[in-house]
Amino acid sequence: MKTIGKLAKELNINVETVRFYERKGLIVQPLKPDSGYRMYDNTYANQLKFILKAKALGFTLDEVASLMSMSGNCADVESMGLQKLMLIREKIADLQRLEQVIQDMTNSCKANQDPNSCPIINSLS
């Protein structure tokens, strides 16, 4: 059992992050004893680790909440994972197109012979 400060420090997050997840309903705030501080056990630490790992994989807080409620339903989790994978692949494709456009633009600068004109600036105007 540990205080919110010790729990946050252990997970390398801010106390306000823990409180935020409590307000969002991702974790339930433990009861406060008549005297003293709320105490968080390993269940809270494990829930927070789950949230942090899911967020690091790109899941939104709403998706994290859904994942937490689906703990035993692998088919639903797989479906959500496949949807996230499709979005990631779309973002990668968009970034690759953007990379090519910017590469082409910078290449046009290299080939530019007019010191008073910039092809990138001209294309953005």
C-alpha atoms as a PDB file:
ATOM      1  CA  MET A   1       0.000   0.000   0.000  1.00  0.00           C
ATOM      2  CA  LYS A   2       1.300   3.427  -0.898  1.00  0.00           C
ATOM      3  CA  THR A   3       0.180   7.028  -1.095  1.00  0.00           C
ATOM      4  CA  ILE A   4      -0.696   8.647  -4.391  1.00  0.00           C
ATOM      5  CA  GLY A   5       2.657  10.451  -4.381  1.00  0.00           C
ATOM      6  CA  LYS A   6       4.638   7.246  -3.966  1.00  0.00           C
ATOM      7  CA  LEU A   7       2.517   5.483  -6.581  1.00  0.00           C
ATOM      8  CA  ALA A   8       3.034   8.307  -9.071  1.00  0.00           C
ATOM      9  CA  LYS A   9       6.764   8.390  -8.396  1.00  0.00           C
ATOM     10  CA  GLU A  10       7.014   4.609  -8.818  1.00  0.00           C
ATOM     11  CA  LEU A  11       5.315   4.862 -12.232  1.00  0.00           C
ATOM     12  CA  ASN A  12       7.229   8.007 -13.205  1.00  0.00           C
ATOM     13  CA  ILE A  13       4.065  10.052 -13.674  1.00  0.00           C
ATOM     14  CA  ASN A  14       2.600  13.127 -12.041  1.00  0.00           C
ATOM     15  CA  VAL A  15       0.125  12.900  -9.163  1.00  0.00           C
ATOM     16  CA  GLU A  16      -2.272  14.954 -11.282  1.00  0.00           C
ATOM     17  CA  THR A  17      -2.132  12.235 -13.950  1.00  0.00           C
ATOM     18  CA  VAL A  18      -3.431   9.704 -11.424  1.00  0.00           C
ATOM     19  CA  ARG A  19      -6.165  12.128 -10.366  1.00  0.00           C
ATOM     20  CA  PHE A  20      -7.054  12.776 -14.015  1.00  0.00           C
ATOM     21  CA  TYR A  21      -7.529   9.046 -14.637  1.00  0.00           C
ATOM     22  CA  GLU A  22      -9.665   8.880 -11.499  1.00  0.00           C
ATOM     23  CA  ARG A  23     -11.862  11.742 -12.743  1.00  0.00           C
ATOM     24  CA  LYS A  24     -12.168  10.035 -16.143  1.00  0.00           C
ATOM     25  CA  GLY A  25     -13.341   6.865 -14.413  1.00  0.00           C
ATOM     26  CA  LEU A  26     -10.442   4.734 -15.629  1.00  0.00           C
ATOM     27  CA  ILE A  27      -9.497   3.890 -12.063  1.00  0.00           C
ATOM     28  CA  VAL A  28     -11.584   4.149  -8.923  1.00  0.00           C
ATOM     29  CA  GLN A  29     -10.251   6.402  -6.209  1.00  0.00           C
ATOM     30  CA  PRO A  30      -9.743   4.455  -2.988  1.00  0.00           C
ATOM     31  CA  LEU A  31     -11.741   5.510   0.031  1.00  0.00           C
ATOM     32  CA  LYS A  32     -10.114   8.029   2.308  1.00  0.00           C
ATOM     33  CA  PRO A  33      -9.861   6.878   5.907  1.00  0.00           C
ATOM     34  CA  ASP A  34     -11.128   9.219   8.616  1.00  0.00           C
ATOM     35  CA  SER A  35      -7.577  10.171   9.388  1.00  0.00           C
ATOM     36  CA  GLY A  36      -4.752   9.918   6.944  1.00  0.00           C
ATOM     37  CA  TYR A  37      -4.236   9.525   3.254  1.00  0.00           C
ATOM     38  CA  ARG A  38      -5.806   7.342   0.603  1.00  0.00           C
ATOM     39  CA  MET A  39      -3.750   4.229   0.084  1.00  0.00           C
ATOM     40  CA  TYR A  40      -3.174   2.615  -3.306  1.00  0.00           C
ATOM     41  CA  ASP A  41      -2.351  -1.084  -3.608  1.00  0.00           C
ATOM     42  CA  ASN A  42      -0.843  -3.043  -6.504  1.00  0.00           C
ATOM     43  CA  THR A  43      -4.224  -3.247  -8.232  1.00  0.00           C
ATOM     44  CA  TYR A  44      -4.058   0.501  -8.848  1.00  0.00           C
ATOM     45  CA  ALA A  45      -0.456   0.298  -9.976  1.00  0.00           C
ATOM     46  CA  ASN A  46      -1.335  -2.466 -12.439  1.00  0.00           C
ATOM     47  CA  GLN A  47      -4.320  -0.522 -13.792  1.00  0.00           C
ATOM     48  CA  LEU A  48      -2.170   2.562 -14.264  1.00  0.00           C
ATOM     49  CA  LYS A  49       0.558   0.533 -15.987  1.00  0.00           C
ATOM     50  CA  PHE A  50      -2.085  -0.864 -18.341  1.00  0.00           C
ATOM     51  CA  ILE A  51      -3.355   2.645 -19.130  1.00  0.00           C
ATOM     52  CA  LEU A  52       0.160   3.987 -19.720  1.00  0.00           C
ATOM     53  CA  LYS A  53       1.137   1.090 -21.989  1.00  0.00           C
ATOM     54  CA  ALA A  54      -2.090   1.356 -24.003  1.00  0.00           C
ATOM     55  CA  LYS A  55      -1.617   5.115 -24.415  1.00  0.00           C
ATOM     56  CA  ALA A  56       1.972   4.528 -25.538  1.00  0.00           C
ATOM     57  CA  LEU A  57       0.566   2.259 -28.257  1.00  0.00           C
ATOM     58  CA  GLY A  58      -1.639   5.111 -29.449  1.00  0.00           C
ATOM     59  CA  PHE A  59      -4.959   4.166 -27.883  1.00  0.00           C
ATOM     60  CA  THR A  60      -7.170   7.071 -26.814  1.00  0.00           C
ATOM     61  CA  LEU A  61      -8.533   7.233 -23.270  1.00  0.00           C
ATOM     62  CA  ASP A  62     -11.952   6.135 -24.528  1.00  0.00           C
ATOM     63  CA  GLU A  63     -10.320   3.167 -26.257  1.00  0.00           C
ATOM     64  CA  VAL A  64      -8.343   2.392 -23.101  1.00  0.00           C
ATOM     65  CA  ALA A  65     -11.598   2.370 -21.116  1.00  0.00           C
ATOM     66  CA  SER A  66     -13.094  -0.020 -23.659  1.00  0.00           C
ATOM     67  CA  LEU A  67     -10.029  -2.264 -23.522  1.00  0.00           C
ATOM     68  CA  MET A  68     -10.205  -2.354 -19.743  1.00  0.00           C
ATOM     69  CA  SER A  69     -13.844  -3.441 -19.884  1.00  0.00           C
ATOM     70  CA  MET A  70     -13.079  -6.191 -22.446  1.00  0.00           C
ATOM     71  CA  SER A  71     -10.451  -7.957 -20.375  1.00  0.00           C
ATOM     72  CA  GLY A  72     -11.544 -11.485 -21.298  1.00  0.00           C
ATOM     73  CA  ASN A  73     -13.098 -10.950 -24.725  1.00  0.00           C
ATOM     74  CA  CYS A  74     -10.208 -11.522 -27.094  1.00  0.00           C
ATOM     75  CA  ALA A  75     -12.324 -11.233 -30.262  1.00  0.00           C
ATOM     76  CA  ASP A  76     -13.412  -7.690 -29.353  1.00  0.00           C
ATOM     77  CA  VAL A  77      -9.879  -6.736 -28.341  1.00  0.00           C
ATOM     78  CA  GLU A  78      -8.564  -8.146 -31.623  1.00  0.00           C
ATOM     79  CA  SER A  79     -11.145  -6.130 -33.556  1.00  0.00           C
ATOM     80  CA  MET A  80     -10.140  -2.935 -31.773  1.00  0.00           C
ATOM     81  CA  GLY A  81      -6.476  -3.739 -32.350  1.00  0.00           C
ATOM     82  CA  LEU A  82      -7.083  -4.279 -36.063  1.00  0.00           C
ATOM     83  CA  GLN A  83      -8.932  -0.956 -36.294  1.00  0.00           C
ATOM     84  CA  LYS A  84      -6.008   0.787 -34.598  1.00  0.00           C
ATOM     85  CA  LEU A  85      -3.572  -0.987 -36.920  1.00  0.00           C
ATOM     86  CA  MET A  86      -5.538   0.217 -39.964  1.00  0.00           C
ATOM     87  CA  LEU A  87      -5.386   3.811 -38.676  1.00  0.00           C
ATOM     88  CA  ILE A  88      -1.651   3.519 -38.064  1.00  0.00           C
ATOM     89  CA  ARG A  89      -1.095   2.212 -41.585  1.00  0.00           C
ATOM     90  CA  GLU A  90      -3.141   5.105 -43.000  1.00  0.00           C
ATOM     91  CA  LYS A  91      -1.043   7.585 -41.013  1.00  0.00           C
ATOM     92  CA  ILE A  92       2.151   5.939 -42.253  1.00  0.00           C
ATOM     93  CA  ALA A  93       0.940   6.193 -45.858  1.00  0.00           C
ATOM     94  CA  ASP A  94       0.016   9.864 -45.309  1.00  0.00           C
ATOM     95  CA  LEU A  95       3.435  10.566 -43.806  1.00  0.00           C
ATOM     96  CA  GLN A  96       5.178   8.810 -46.694  1.00  0.00           C
ATOM     97  CA  ARG A  97       3.235  10.969 -49.190  1.00  0.00           C
ATOM     98  CA  LEU A  98       4.151  14.063 -47.175  1.00  0.00           C
ATOM     99  CA  GLU A  99       7.781  12.957 -47.095  1.00  0.00           C
ATOM    100  CA  GLN A 100       7.827  12.637 -50.887  1.00  0.00           C
ATOM    101  CA  VAL A 101       6.223  16.057 -51.405  1.00  0.00           C
ATOM    102  CA  ILE A 102       8.729  17.749 -49.095  1.00  0.00           C
ATOM    103  CA  GLN A 103      11.600  15.807 -50.659  1.00  0.00           C
ATOM    104  CA  ASP A 104      10.497  17.001 -54.105  1.00  0.00           C
ATOM    105  CA  MET A 105      10.204  20.560 -52.841  1.00  0.00           C
ATOM    106  CA  THR A 106      13.681  20.577 -51.306  1.00  0.00           C
ATOM    107  CA  ASN A 107      15.090  18.998 -54.461  1.00  0.00           C
ATOM    108  CA  SER A 108      13.588  21.862 -56.460  1.00  0.00           C
ATOM    109  CA  CYS A 109      15.489  24.277 -54.180  1.00  0.00           C
ATOM    110  CA  LYS A 110      18.753  22.507 -54.911  1.00  0.00           C
ATOM    111  CA  ALA A 111      18.126  22.879 -58.629  1.00  0.00           C
ATOM    112  CA  ASN A 112      16.976  26.505 -58.342  1.00  0.00           C
ATOM    113  CA  GLN A 113      19.267  28.997 -60.055  1.00  0.00           C
ATOM    114  CA  ASP A 114      17.296  32.146 -59.164  1.00  0.00           C
ATOM    115  CA  PRO A 115      18.589  33.626 -55.849  1.00  0.00           C
ATOM    116  CA  ASN A 116      15.517  35.902 -55.637  1.00  0.00           C
ATOM    117  CA  SER A 117      12.966  33.112 -55.855  1.00  0.00           C
ATOM    118  CA  CYS A 118      12.385  30.062 -53.694  1.00  0.00           C
ATOM    119  CA  PRO A 119      10.366  27.192 -55.181  1.00  0.00           C
ATOM    120  CA  ILE A 120       9.085  26.125 -51.757  1.00  0.00           C
ATOM    121  CA  ILE A 121       7.874  29.624 -50.885  1.00  0.00           C
ATOM    122  CA  ASN A 122       6.353  29.958 -54.352  1.00  0.00           C
ATOM    123  CA  SER A 123       4.487  26.660 -54.027  1.00  0.00           C
ATOM    124  CA  LEU A 124       3.071  27.684 -50.657  1.00  0.00           C
ATOM    125  CA  SER A 125       1.893  31.102 -51.847  1.00  0.00           C
END
